[in-house]
């Protein structure tokens, strides 16, 4: 996460340049040092391709949106890359897309899943190796059913905060949601698309962002933007399930089904399919396993032994190891332990991937093989496409995973620091209850530990979220399921059907 993760796109921006000061300049020092205001740039290309079996002529546009303070000072330059069918048709759906992180650019979904071009990397969980990385036509792009707008929030991609802007105004749950919602409103206005069917969505933290953006677009009294659909890929809404700290038992419950599917993939557990072992693990996790953990030190010895045996069967770990871990195996320990006998570790973003550490001791891997196995190819692809094919010119580096947003992020919903229990799913439930035409599509990979599929199910199946308007889809890959060729085609077909079914 994206991932995060990780996949996204290009745009136009001029870095703010300091005004030179003459040696004997008599102007006030504050004026002489004032940085030049950013100038919004736009680049367009008229192109064509075959998507979903249809030949489509389209216009690719990379553009800056400059957000200002109340007094008109430029604060943020947000880059969007849009693909709009020619001639423009206001009756066509438009899909606004972003990635996660926070701090992740839209390169992953753009160059991996939905853009008109994609980078070719191995589909079978092998390392992407060294360049060159082929840039191919992407028949799985959704341009046959919707216009596409990829958004890089501040601190991601080529987007940035201007000199002097306080990061606290943009780096946070609510702040980021407001900025992205503002960009969407402006795009609709500038392109005459207020009455078009509208979809928003993203991957990883991008699903959390979707909850915040829908609350900004539909949660107010004035200037509401009605939406037709939310498209969530590798969902994370309830963050309590991702913190395996002492006393938080839900983290172990949520990740257990992922341990079972990973063990199945690597031949440590036998089952008819990933879906079959996932269902066995779900039922055990929410039943006997949850009961055992909640009993704590009151857990009877015979019940503990029975739970330990079933846990070993589902995870491929030894009963001795499980006992030493007090039945509570963190995901980091699992990445290292599952294939320790083979001298390998498994990936966090995609547990199909394997890596080799400096040595086979220790509790956690040296790195995530499912990230370093793909990142170089995506970085090369976005720079080639944005700079060379679409004509974007800048000295700024494309931030596939920008460090600054994640480091400075305000995780609170109330502006008082990160809440002990952070769950943004209720915002989605409220939006769906107040908009009877709003539907939700949720995509999960069986082998994704970053945003476990059971965690998504747990957060979206609770009270207040209309279940009859949720479409669930599962894939035989990990966090970025579209890396696998078969799952990219399936994801595209599933979302295409979701959009057409409005």
Protein backbone atom coordinates (compact mmCIF):
# COMPACT_ATOMS: atom_id res chain seq x y z
CA UNK A 1 0.00 0.00 0.00
CA UNK A 2 -0.44 0.10 -1.87
CA UNK A 3 -0.99 -1.55 -1.72
CA UNK A 4 0.52 0.70 0.75
CA UNK A 5 1.10 0.29 -1.51
CA UNK A 6 1.62 0.79 -4.32
CA UNK A 7 0.54 2.01 -8.69
CA UNK A 8 -0.20 5.54 -10.32
CA UNK A 9 0.15 8.40 -12.80
CA UNK A 10 1.37 11.67 -14.25
CA UNK A 11 0.69 15.38 -14.54
CA UNK A 12 2.05 18.86 -14.98
CA UNK A 13 3.64 21.08 -12.44
CA UNK A 14 6.33 23.71 -12.17
CA UNK A 15 8.38 23.64 -9.01
CA UNK A 16 8.23 26.93 -7.14
CA UNK A 17 11.41 28.86 -7.95
CA UNK A 18 12.90 31.52 -5.71
CA UNK A 19 13.08 34.99 -7.30
CA UNK A 20 16.76 35.96 -7.66
CA UNK A 21 17.94 38.89 -5.55
CA UNK A 22 20.40 41.48 -6.91
CA UNK A 23 23.33 42.37 -4.69
CA UNK A 24 22.14 45.99 -4.28
CA UNK A 25 18.39 45.25 -4.48
CA UNK A 26 16.58 48.03 -2.65
CA UNK A 27 13.22 46.19 -2.55
CA UNK A 28 12.05 44.84 0.81
CA UNK A 29 13.79 41.62 1.72
CA UNK A 30 10.50 39.78 2.17
CA UNK A 31 9.47 40.71 -1.37
CA UNK A 32 12.84 39.77 -2.87
CA UNK A 33 12.74 36.29 -1.31
CA UNK A 34 9.13 35.62 -2.21
CA UNK A 35 8.83 32.43 -4.30
CA UNK A 36 7.17 32.60 -7.69
CA UNK A 37 3.58 31.44 -7.69
CA UNK A 38 3.05 28.06 -9.38
CA UNK A 39 1.49 28.21 -12.84
CA UNK A 40 -1.12 25.59 -13.62
CA UNK A 41 -0.05 23.50 -16.60
CA UNK A 42 -2.02 21.28 -18.93
CA UNK A 43 -0.79 18.77 -21.50
CA UNK A 44 -3.08 16.83 -23.81
CA UNK A 45 -2.67 14.01 -26.30
CA UNK A 46 -5.34 12.53 -28.56
CA UNK A 47 -4.87 8.76 -28.64
CA UNK A 48 -6.79 5.56 -29.28
CA UNK A 49 -6.81 1.97 -28.13
CA UNK A 50 -8.88 -1.18 -27.76
CA UNK A 51 -10.36 -1.66 -24.31
CA UNK A 52 -12.87 -4.30 -23.28
CA UNK A 53 -13.03 -5.34 -26.92
CA UNK A 54 -14.03 -1.86 -28.13
CA UNK A 55 -11.97 0.62 -30.13
CA UNK A 56 -11.96 3.92 -28.23
CA UNK A 57 -10.58 7.32 -29.25
CA UNK A 58 -9.69 9.31 -26.14
CA UNK A 59 -7.95 12.44 -24.92
CA UNK A 60 -5.24 12.07 -22.29
CA UNK A 61 -4.81 15.20 -20.14
CA UNK A 62 -2.28 15.88 -17.40
CA UNK A 63 -3.21 18.99 -15.46
CA UNK A 64 -2.41 20.91 -12.30
CA UNK A 65 -5.10 21.89 -9.85
CA UNK A 66 -3.84 24.64 -7.54
CA UNK A 67 -5.52 24.78 -4.14
CA UNK A 68 -5.33 28.08 -2.29
CA UNK A 69 -5.84 29.42 1.21
CA UNK A 70 -8.75 31.67 2.10
CA UNK A 71 -6.62 34.70 1.24
CA UNK A 72 -5.71 33.31 -2.17
CA UNK A 73 -2.22 32.03 -1.44
CA UNK A 74 -1.33 28.90 -3.45
CA UNK A 75 -0.88 26.03 -1.00
CA UNK A 76 -0.91 22.79 -2.96
CA UNK A 77 -0.46 21.68 -6.55
CA UNK A 78 -2.40 18.49 -7.20
CA UNK A 79 -1.80 16.64 -10.45
CA UNK A 80 -4.54 14.72 -12.21
CA UNK A 81 -4.29 12.51 -15.28
CA UNK A 82 -7.56 11.99 -17.07
CA UNK A 83 -8.59 9.84 -20.00
CA UNK A 84 -11.84 10.98 -21.61
CA UNK A 85 -13.49 9.37 -24.63
CA UNK A 86 -13.61 11.48 -27.79
CA UNK A 87 -15.96 13.15 -28.41
CA UNK A 88 -16.76 13.99 -24.77
CA UNK A 89 -20.09 12.54 -23.63
CA UNK A 90 -21.61 13.88 -20.37
CA UNK A 91 -23.81 10.79 -20.09
CA UNK A 92 -20.77 8.52 -19.67
CA UNK A 93 -19.73 7.47 -16.16
CA UNK A 94 -16.56 9.01 -14.74
CA UNK A 95 -14.36 7.12 -12.30
CA UNK A 96 -12.04 9.07 -9.97
CA UNK A 97 -9.10 6.89 -8.88
CA UNK A 98 -6.25 7.22 -6.35
CA UNK A 99 -3.96 4.93 -4.46
CA UNK A 100 -3.09 4.71 -0.80
CA UNK A 101 -0.13 4.93 1.52
CA UNK A 102 -0.83 7.54 2.72
CA UNK A 103 1.92 8.86 0.48
CA UNK A 104 1.44 6.52 -2.47
CA UNK A 105 1.04 7.92 -5.97
CA UNK A 106 -1.55 6.64 -8.43
CA UNK A 107 1.10 4.87 -10.53
CA UNK A 108 0.06 1.44 -9.27
CA UNK A 109 -3.56 1.46 -10.39
CA UNK A 110 -2.78 3.47 -13.49
CA UNK A 111 0.18 1.54 -14.87
CA UNK A 112 -0.93 -1.79 -13.45
CA UNK A 113 -4.69 -2.04 -13.77
CA UNK A 114 -6.89 0.62 -15.36
CA UNK A 115 -4.83 3.03 -17.46
CA UNK A 116 -4.59 2.66 -21.26
CA UNK A 117 -0.99 1.45 -20.91
CA UNK A 118 0.51 -0.97 -18.41
CA UNK A 119 3.94 -2.14 -17.41
CA UNK A 120 4.78 -5.77 -18.14
CA UNK A 121 6.28 -7.53 -15.14
CA UNK A 122 6.20 -11.25 -14.28
CA UNK A 123 2.72 -12.50 -13.47
CA UNK A 124 3.81 -15.49 -11.41
CA UNK A 125 5.32 -13.78 -8.33
CA UNK A 126 8.85 -13.57 -9.70
CA UNK A 127 11.09 -10.52 -9.28
CA UNK A 128 10.73 -7.89 -12.02
CA UNK A 129 14.48 -7.96 -12.55
CA UNK A 130 16.40 -5.26 -14.42
CA UNK A 131 15.25 -2.83 -17.14
CA UNK A 132 13.99 -2.35 -19.74
CA UNK A 133 10.40 -2.98 -18.62
CA UNK A 134 8.00 -3.17 -21.58
CA UNK A 135 5.13 -0.66 -21.71
CA UNK A 136 2.17 -2.40 -23.32
CA UNK A 137 -1.32 -1.56 -24.51
CA UNK A 138 -3.79 -2.45 -21.77
CA UNK A 139 -6.97 -4.05 -23.13
CA UNK A 140 -8.17 -4.36 -19.52
CA UNK A 141 -8.47 -0.58 -19.11
CA UNK A 142 -12.00 0.53 -18.22
CA UNK A 143 -12.13 3.25 -20.89
CA UNK A 144 -14.83 1.40 -22.78
CA UNK A 145 -17.30 1.93 -19.91
CA UNK A 146 -16.08 5.06 -18.10
CA UNK A 147 -13.85 8.10 -18.35
CA UNK A 148 -10.95 7.83 -15.89
CA UNK A 149 -9.40 10.49 -13.67
CA UNK A 150 -6.29 9.53 -11.67
CA UNK A 151 -5.53 11.81 -8.71
CA UNK A 152 -2.19 12.21 -6.94
CA UNK A 153 -2.83 13.92 -3.57
CA UNK A 154 -0.16 16.30 -2.18
CA UNK A 155 3.13 14.60 -1.43
CA UNK A 156 2.46 11.81 -3.95
CA UNK A 157 3.36 11.50 -7.61
CA UNK A 158 4.33 14.93 -8.95
CA UNK A 159 1.96 16.75 -6.56
CA UNK A 160 3.41 18.93 -3.84
CA UNK A 161 2.82 21.57 -1.18
CA UNK A 162 4.09 25.04 -1.99
CA UNK A 163 6.86 26.67 0.03
CA UNK A 164 5.58 27.78 3.42
CA UNK A 165 2.44 25.64 3.44
CA UNK A 166 1.84 23.94 6.78
CA UNK A 167 1.70 20.15 6.11
CA UNK A 168 -0.93 19.85 8.84
CA UNK A 169 -3.42 21.48 6.47
CA UNK A 170 -3.19 18.58 3.99
CA UNK A 171 -1.59 15.53 5.62
CA UNK A 172 -4.37 13.84 7.55
CA UNK A 173 -7.57 11.83 7.30
CA UNK A 174 -9.96 14.76 7.09
CA UNK A 175 -7.56 17.22 5.48
CA UNK A 176 -6.71 14.85 2.64
CA UNK A 177 -10.38 13.97 2.14
CA UNK A 178 -11.27 17.65 1.76
CA UNK A 179 -8.47 18.27 -0.75
CA UNK A 180 -9.39 15.29 -2.95
CA UNK A 181 -13.08 16.20 -2.81
CA UNK A 182 -12.17 19.75 -3.87
CA UNK A 183 -10.23 18.43 -6.87
CA UNK A 184 -13.18 16.24 -7.88
CA UNK A 185 -15.60 19.15 -7.69
CA UNK A 186 -13.32 21.33 -9.79
CA UNK A 187 -12.85 18.61 -12.41
CA UNK A 188 -16.61 18.14 -12.70
CA UNK A 189 -17.08 21.88 -13.08
CA UNK A 190 -14.28 22.38 -15.60
CA UNK A 191 -15.43 19.45 -17.73
CA UNK A 192 -19.21 19.93 -17.53
CA UNK A 193 -19.79 16.57 -15.84
CA UNK A 194 -21.98 17.40 -12.83
CA UNK A 195 -24.79 15.12 -14.01
CA UNK A 196 -22.61 12.21 -15.13
CA UNK A 197 -22.74 8.92 -13.20
CA UNK A 198 -19.85 9.14 -10.74
CA UNK A 199 -17.62 6.52 -9.12
CA UNK A 200 -14.76 7.04 -6.70
CA UNK A 201 -12.33 4.53 -5.31
CA UNK A 202 -8.83 3.42 -4.62
CA UNK A 203 -6.54 0.81 -3.22
CA UNK A 204 -5.29 0.14 0.31
CA UNK A 205 -5.31 3.45 2.24
CA UNK A 206 -7.16 4.67 -0.85
CA UNK A 207 -10.16 2.77 0.51
CA UNK A 208 -9.90 4.72 3.77
CA UNK A 209 -9.57 7.88 1.67
CA UNK A 210 -12.77 6.88 -0.12
CA UNK A 211 -14.65 6.90 3.18
CA UNK A 212 -13.36 10.40 3.91
CA UNK A 213 -14.04 11.70 0.39
CA UNK A 214 -17.60 10.35 0.24
CA UNK A 215 -18.23 12.03 3.57
CA UNK A 216 -16.96 15.32 2.11
CA UNK A 217 -18.96 14.95 -1.11
CA UNK A 218 -22.24 13.63 0.32
CA UNK A 219 -22.06 14.27 4.06
CA UNK A 220 -22.83 17.98 4.07
CA UNK A 221 -25.99 20.01 3.69
CA UNK A 222 -24.88 22.14 0.74
CA UNK A 223 -23.12 21.47 -2.57
CA UNK A 224 -23.49 17.69 -2.31
CA UNK A 225 -22.03 15.59 -5.10
CA UNK A 226 -24.16 12.49 -5.61
CA UNK A 227 -22.25 9.28 -6.28
CA UNK A 228 -23.25 6.04 -7.97
CA UNK A 229 -20.56 3.76 -6.64
CA UNK A 230 -17.58 3.23 -4.35
CA UNK A 231 -14.88 0.90 -5.69
CA UNK A 232 -12.63 -0.47 -2.94
CA UNK A 233 -9.55 -2.55 -3.74
CA UNK A 234 -7.64 -4.22 -0.88
CA UNK A 235 -9.71 -2.58 1.80
CA UNK A 236 -8.60 -1.18 5.15
CA UNK A 237 -11.29 0.69 7.11
CA UNK A 238 -10.98 -0.61 10.67
CA UNK A 239 -7.39 -0.08 11.79
CA UNK A 240 -7.69 -1.87 15.11
CA UNK A 241 -7.42 -5.17 13.28
CA UNK A 242 -3.95 -4.23 12.04
CA UNK A 243 -2.28 -3.56 15.40
CA UNK A 244 -1.03 -6.84 16.96
CA UNK A 245 -0.23 -5.24 20.29
CA UNK A 246 -0.60 -7.07 23.62
CA UNK A 247 -4.25 -7.19 24.56
CA UNK A 248 -5.62 -6.58 21.06
CA UNK A 249 -6.84 -10.03 20.12
CA UNK A 250 -8.72 -8.95 16.97
CA UNK A 251 -5.46 -8.56 15.03
CA UNK A 252 -4.76 -12.29 15.40
CA UNK A 253 -8.32 -13.22 14.45
CA UNK A 254 -8.30 -11.03 11.32
CA UNK A 255 -4.98 -12.36 9.96
CA UNK A 256 -5.53 -16.07 10.64
CA UNK A 257 -7.39 -16.75 7.35
CA UNK A 258 -4.49 -15.13 5.46
CA UNK A 259 -2.07 -17.47 7.19
CA UNK A 260 -4.17 -20.40 6.02
CA UNK A 261 -4.26 -19.26 2.37
CA UNK A 262 -0.50 -18.57 2.37
CA UNK A 263 0.18 -22.01 3.87
CA UNK A 264 -2.06 -23.52 1.20
CA UNK A 265 -0.27 -21.72 -1.64
CA UNK A 266 3.15 -22.92 -0.46
CA UNK A 267 2.06 -26.52 0.04
CA UNK A 268 2.09 -26.50 3.83
CA UNK A 269 -1.66 -27.16 4.03
CA UNK A 270 -3.89 -29.30 1.84
CA UNK A 271 -7.26 -28.02 0.62
CA UNK A 272 -9.37 -28.05 -2.56
CA UNK A 273 -8.73 -24.34 -3.17
CA UNK A 274 -7.70 -21.07 -1.57
CA UNK A 275 -11.38 -20.19 -1.18
CA UNK A 276 -12.04 -23.47 0.61
CA UNK A 277 -9.23 -23.12 3.14
CA UNK A 278 -10.16 -19.47 3.63
CA UNK A 279 -13.69 -20.43 4.62
CA UNK A 280 -12.44 -23.09 7.05
CA UNK A 281 -10.13 -20.53 8.63
CA UNK A 282 -12.86 -17.88 8.81
CA UNK A 283 -15.16 -20.17 10.74
CA UNK A 284 -12.41 -21.29 13.09
CA UNK A 285 -11.14 -17.72 13.59
CA UNK A 286 -14.50 -16.23 14.52
CA UNK A 287 -15.52 -19.28 16.56
CA UNK A 288 -13.17 -21.50 18.62
CA UNK A 289 -10.09 -19.33 18.10
CA UNK A 290 -11.76 -16.04 19.09
CA UNK A 291 -13.34 -17.75 22.09
CA UNK A 292 -9.98 -19.12 23.22
CA UNK A 293 -8.21 -15.79 22.94
CA UNK A 294 -10.96 -13.94 24.78
CA UNK A 295 -10.83 -16.41 27.66
CA UNK A 296 -7.24 -15.44 28.27
CA UNK A 297 -5.73 -17.27 31.24
CA UNK A 298 -9.05 -18.91 32.01
CA UNK A 299 -8.71 -21.06 28.89
CA UNK A 300 -8.92 -24.74 29.97
CA UNK A 301 -5.94 -26.93 29.06
CA UNK A 302 -7.96 -29.36 26.93
CA UNK A 303 -9.56 -26.52 24.95
CA UNK A 304 -6.16 -24.92 24.48
CA UNK A 305 -4.75 -28.18 23.12
CA UNK A 306 -7.65 -28.58 20.67
CA UNK A 307 -7.29 -24.99 19.42
CA UNK A 308 -3.53 -25.41 19.07
CA UNK A 309 -3.97 -28.58 16.95
CA UNK A 310 -6.43 -26.91 14.59
CA UNK A 311 -4.31 -23.79 14.41
CA UNK A 312 -1.34 -25.93 13.37
CA UNK A 313 -3.41 -27.69 10.72
CA UNK A 314 -4.61 -24.42 9.22
CA UNK A 315 -1.35 -22.47 9.34
CA UNK A 316 1.30 -25.10 8.66
CA UNK A 317 3.17 -24.07 11.81
CA UNK A 318 4.23 -26.58 14.43
CA UNK A 319 2.32 -26.96 17.68
CA UNK A 320 5.59 -26.33 19.51
CA UNK A 321 6.01 -22.96 17.82
CA UNK A 322 2.36 -22.05 18.41
CA UNK A 323 2.66 -22.89 22.07
CA UNK A 324 5.81 -20.80 22.38
CA UNK A 325 3.89 -17.91 20.75
CA UNK A 326 1.00 -18.38 23.20
CA UNK A 327 -1.28 -19.13 20.21
CA UNK A 328 -0.72 -15.55 19.00
CA UNK A 329 1.49 -15.38 15.91
CA UNK A 330 2.10 -11.92 14.48
CA UNK A 331 2.16 -11.51 10.73
CA UNK A 332 5.86 -10.55 10.81
CA UNK A 333 6.74 -13.76 12.62
CA UNK A 334 4.65 -15.76 10.17
CA UNK A 335 6.48 -14.34 7.12
CA UNK A 336 9.71 -15.67 8.57
CA UNK A 337 8.52 -18.93 10.13
CA UNK A 338 6.32 -20.52 7.44
CA UNK A 339 9.17 -21.42 5.07
CA UNK A 340 12.08 -21.29 7.51
CA UNK A 341 12.83 -24.93 6.72
CA UNK A 342 13.37 -23.90 3.08
CA UNK A 343 15.48 -20.85 3.93
CA UNK A 344 12.82 -18.51 2.52
CA UNK A 345 10.52 -15.74 3.69
CA UNK A 346 7.15 -14.79 2.22
CA UNK A 347 5.75 -11.42 1.17
CA UNK A 348 3.49 -9.05 3.10
CA UNK A 349 1.75 -7.42 0.13
CA UNK A 350 1.55 -10.76 -1.65
CA UNK A 351 2.43 -13.95 0.20
CA UNK A 352 2.97 -15.82 -3.08
CA UNK A 353 6.34 -14.05 -3.32
CA UNK A 354 9.38 -15.52 -1.57
CA UNK A 355 12.67 -13.96 -0.56
CA UNK A 356 16.01 -15.03 0.86
CA UNK A 357 17.31 -13.18 3.92
CA UNK A 358 20.89 -12.70 5.02
CA UNK A 359 20.32 -15.66 7.33
CA UNK A 360 17.44 -17.87 8.40
CA UNK A 361 17.43 -16.87 12.06
CA UNK A 362 15.45 -14.04 13.53
CA UNK A 363 11.76 -13.24 13.85
CA UNK A 364 11.06 -11.05 10.83
CA UNK A 365 12.20 -10.75 7.19
CA UNK A 366 14.90 -8.35 6.06
CA UNK A 367 12.43 -6.83 3.59
CA UNK A 368 9.19 -7.52 1.72
CA UNK A 369 9.92 -9.55 -1.45
CA UNK A 370 6.50 -8.70 -2.84
CA UNK A 371 7.42 -5.01 -2.90
CA UNK A 372 11.03 -5.02 -4.03
CA UNK A 373 9.94 -7.57 -6.62
CA UNK A 374 7.81 -5.02 -8.52
CA UNK A 375 8.70 -1.42 -7.61
CA UNK A 376 11.43 -0.75 -10.19
CA UNK A 377 9.21 -1.68 -13.13
CA UNK A 378 6.38 0.61 -12.04
CA UNK A 379 8.70 3.56 -11.35
CA UNK A 380 10.25 3.28 -14.79
CA UNK A 381 6.87 2.95 -16.49
CA UNK A 382 5.27 6.05 -14.98
CA UNK A 383 8.26 8.22 -15.81
CA UNK A 384 8.41 7.00 -19.41
CA UNK A 385 4.66 7.43 -19.92
CA UNK A 386 4.29 10.79 -18.20
CA UNK A 387 7.45 12.49 -19.39
CA UNK A 388 8.06 10.98 -22.83
CA UNK A 389 4.66 9.87 -24.11
CA UNK A 390 2.44 12.59 -22.60
CA UNK A 391 5.04 15.38 -22.64
CA UNK A 392 5.18 16.20 -18.94
CA UNK A 393 8.23 18.29 -18.06
CA UNK A 394 9.50 18.73 -14.53
CA UNK A 395 12.63 18.37 -12.46
CA UNK A 396 10.58 16.91 -9.62
CA UNK A 397 10.86 13.19 -8.94
CA UNK A 398 7.71 11.10 -9.15
CA UNK A 399 6.91 9.95 -5.60
CA UNK A 400 5.66 6.37 -5.91
CA UNK A 401 5.76 6.14 -2.12
CA UNK A 402 6.34 9.56 -0.60
CA UNK A 403 7.77 9.47 2.92
CA UNK A 404 6.59 12.88 4.11
CA UNK A 405 2.79 12.30 4.16
CA UNK A 406 3.11 9.04 6.08
CA UNK A 407 5.54 10.54 8.55
CA UNK A 408 3.39 13.61 9.27
CA UNK A 409 -0.11 12.11 8.87
CA UNK A 410 -2.86 13.16 11.27
CA UNK A 411 -4.76 9.94 11.94
CA UNK A 412 -7.52 11.48 14.02
CA UNK A 413 -11.10 12.02 12.94
CA UNK A 414 -11.48 14.79 15.48
CA UNK A 415 -8.14 16.54 15.08
CA UNK A 416 -6.79 15.48 18.50
CA UNK A 417 -4.29 12.80 17.51
CA UNK A 418 -4.80 9.18 16.54
CA UNK A 419 -7.82 7.64 18.20
CA UNK A 420 -7.35 4.44 20.17
CA UNK A 421 -9.98 2.87 17.95
CA UNK A 422 -9.97 4.15 14.36
CA UNK A 423 -12.73 2.88 12.08
CA UNK A 424 -13.94 4.89 9.06
CA UNK A 425 -16.42 2.26 7.81
CA UNK A 426 -19.38 4.00 9.51
CA UNK A 427 -18.89 6.95 7.15
CA UNK A 428 -19.53 4.62 4.23
CA UNK A 429 -22.58 3.18 5.96
CA UNK A 430 -24.04 6.65 6.50
CA UNK A 431 -23.46 7.62 2.87
CA UNK A 432 -25.19 4.46 1.65
CA UNK A 433 -28.13 4.94 3.99
CA UNK A 434 -28.59 8.51 2.78
CA UNK A 435 -28.16 7.69 -0.92
CA UNK A 436 -30.31 4.75 -1.99
CA UNK A 437 -28.51 4.60 -5.35
CA UNK A 438 -25.03 4.27 -3.89
CA UNK A 439 -23.49 0.80 -4.32
CA UNK A 440 -20.14 -0.62 -3.22
CA UNK A 441 -17.70 -2.98 -4.93
CA UNK A 442 -15.06 -4.64 -2.75
CA UNK A 443 -12.06 -6.52 -4.19
CA UNK A 444 -9.68 -8.63 -2.07
CA UNK A 445 -6.73 -10.88 -2.78
CA UNK A 446 -6.45 -14.17 -0.92
CA UNK A 447 -2.71 -13.59 -0.34
CA UNK A 448 -2.74 -10.01 0.99
CA UNK A 449 -1.48 -9.52 4.56
CA UNK A 450 -1.34 -5.72 4.28
CA UNK A 451 -5.14 -5.47 4.13
CA UNK A 452 -6.51 -8.93 5.02
CA UNK A 453 -9.72 -10.02 3.32
CA UNK A 454 -11.26 -11.09 6.64
CA UNK A 455 -10.61 -7.61 8.01
CA UNK A 456 -12.51 -6.05 5.12
CA UNK A 457 -15.40 -8.43 5.67
CA UNK A 458 -15.44 -7.72 9.39
CA UNK A 459 -15.54 -3.94 8.89
CA UNK A 460 -18.16 -3.89 6.11
CA UNK A 461 -20.57 -6.46 7.54
CA UNK A 462 -21.32 -4.64 10.76
CA UNK A 463 -24.48 -2.80 11.63
CA UNK A 464 -25.44 0.25 9.59
CA UNK A 465 -24.04 -0.77 6.19
CA UNK A 466 -26.67 -1.99 3.65
CA UNK A 467 -25.52 -5.47 2.64
CA UNK A 468 -27.78 -5.78 -0.42
CA UNK A 469 -25.75 -3.10 -2.25
CA UNK A 470 -22.29 -4.62 -1.70
CA UNK A 471 -20.56 -6.72 -4.38
CA UNK A 472 -17.72 -8.94 -3.13
CA UNK A 473 -14.93 -10.24 -5.40
CA UNK A 474 -11.86 -12.36 -4.58
CA UNK A 475 -8.65 -12.99 -6.49
CA UNK A 476 -5.81 -15.52 -6.54
CA UNK A 477 -3.11 -12.96 -5.82
CA UNK A 478 -2.25 -10.40 -3.17
CA UNK A 479 -2.58 -6.69 -2.41
CA UNK A 480 -2.16 -5.67 -6.05
CA UNK A 481 -4.06 -8.57 -7.54
CA UNK A 482 -3.78 -7.06 -11.02
CA UNK A 483 -0.09 -8.01 -11.10
CA UNK A 484 -1.32 -11.50 -11.97
CA UNK A 485 -2.51 -11.46 -15.59
CA UNK A 486 -5.59 -13.60 -14.98
CA UNK A 487 -6.68 -11.47 -12.04
CA UNK A 488 -6.13 -8.19 -13.86
CA UNK A 489 -8.57 -9.40 -16.51
CA UNK A 490 -11.00 -10.63 -13.85
CA UNK A 491 -10.82 -7.41 -11.83
CA UNK A 492 -11.47 -5.37 -14.97
CA UNK A 493 -14.41 -7.55 -15.97
CA UNK A 494 -15.87 -7.45 -12.45
CA UNK A 495 -15.70 -3.65 -12.19
CA UNK A 496 -16.98 -3.24 -15.76
CA UNK A 497 -20.03 -5.33 -14.82
CA UNK A 498 -20.47 -3.31 -11.61
CA UNK A 499 -20.50 -0.01 -13.51
CA UNK A 500 -22.85 -1.32 -16.21
CA UNK A 501 -25.29 -2.64 -13.60
CA UNK A 502 -26.18 0.83 -12.27
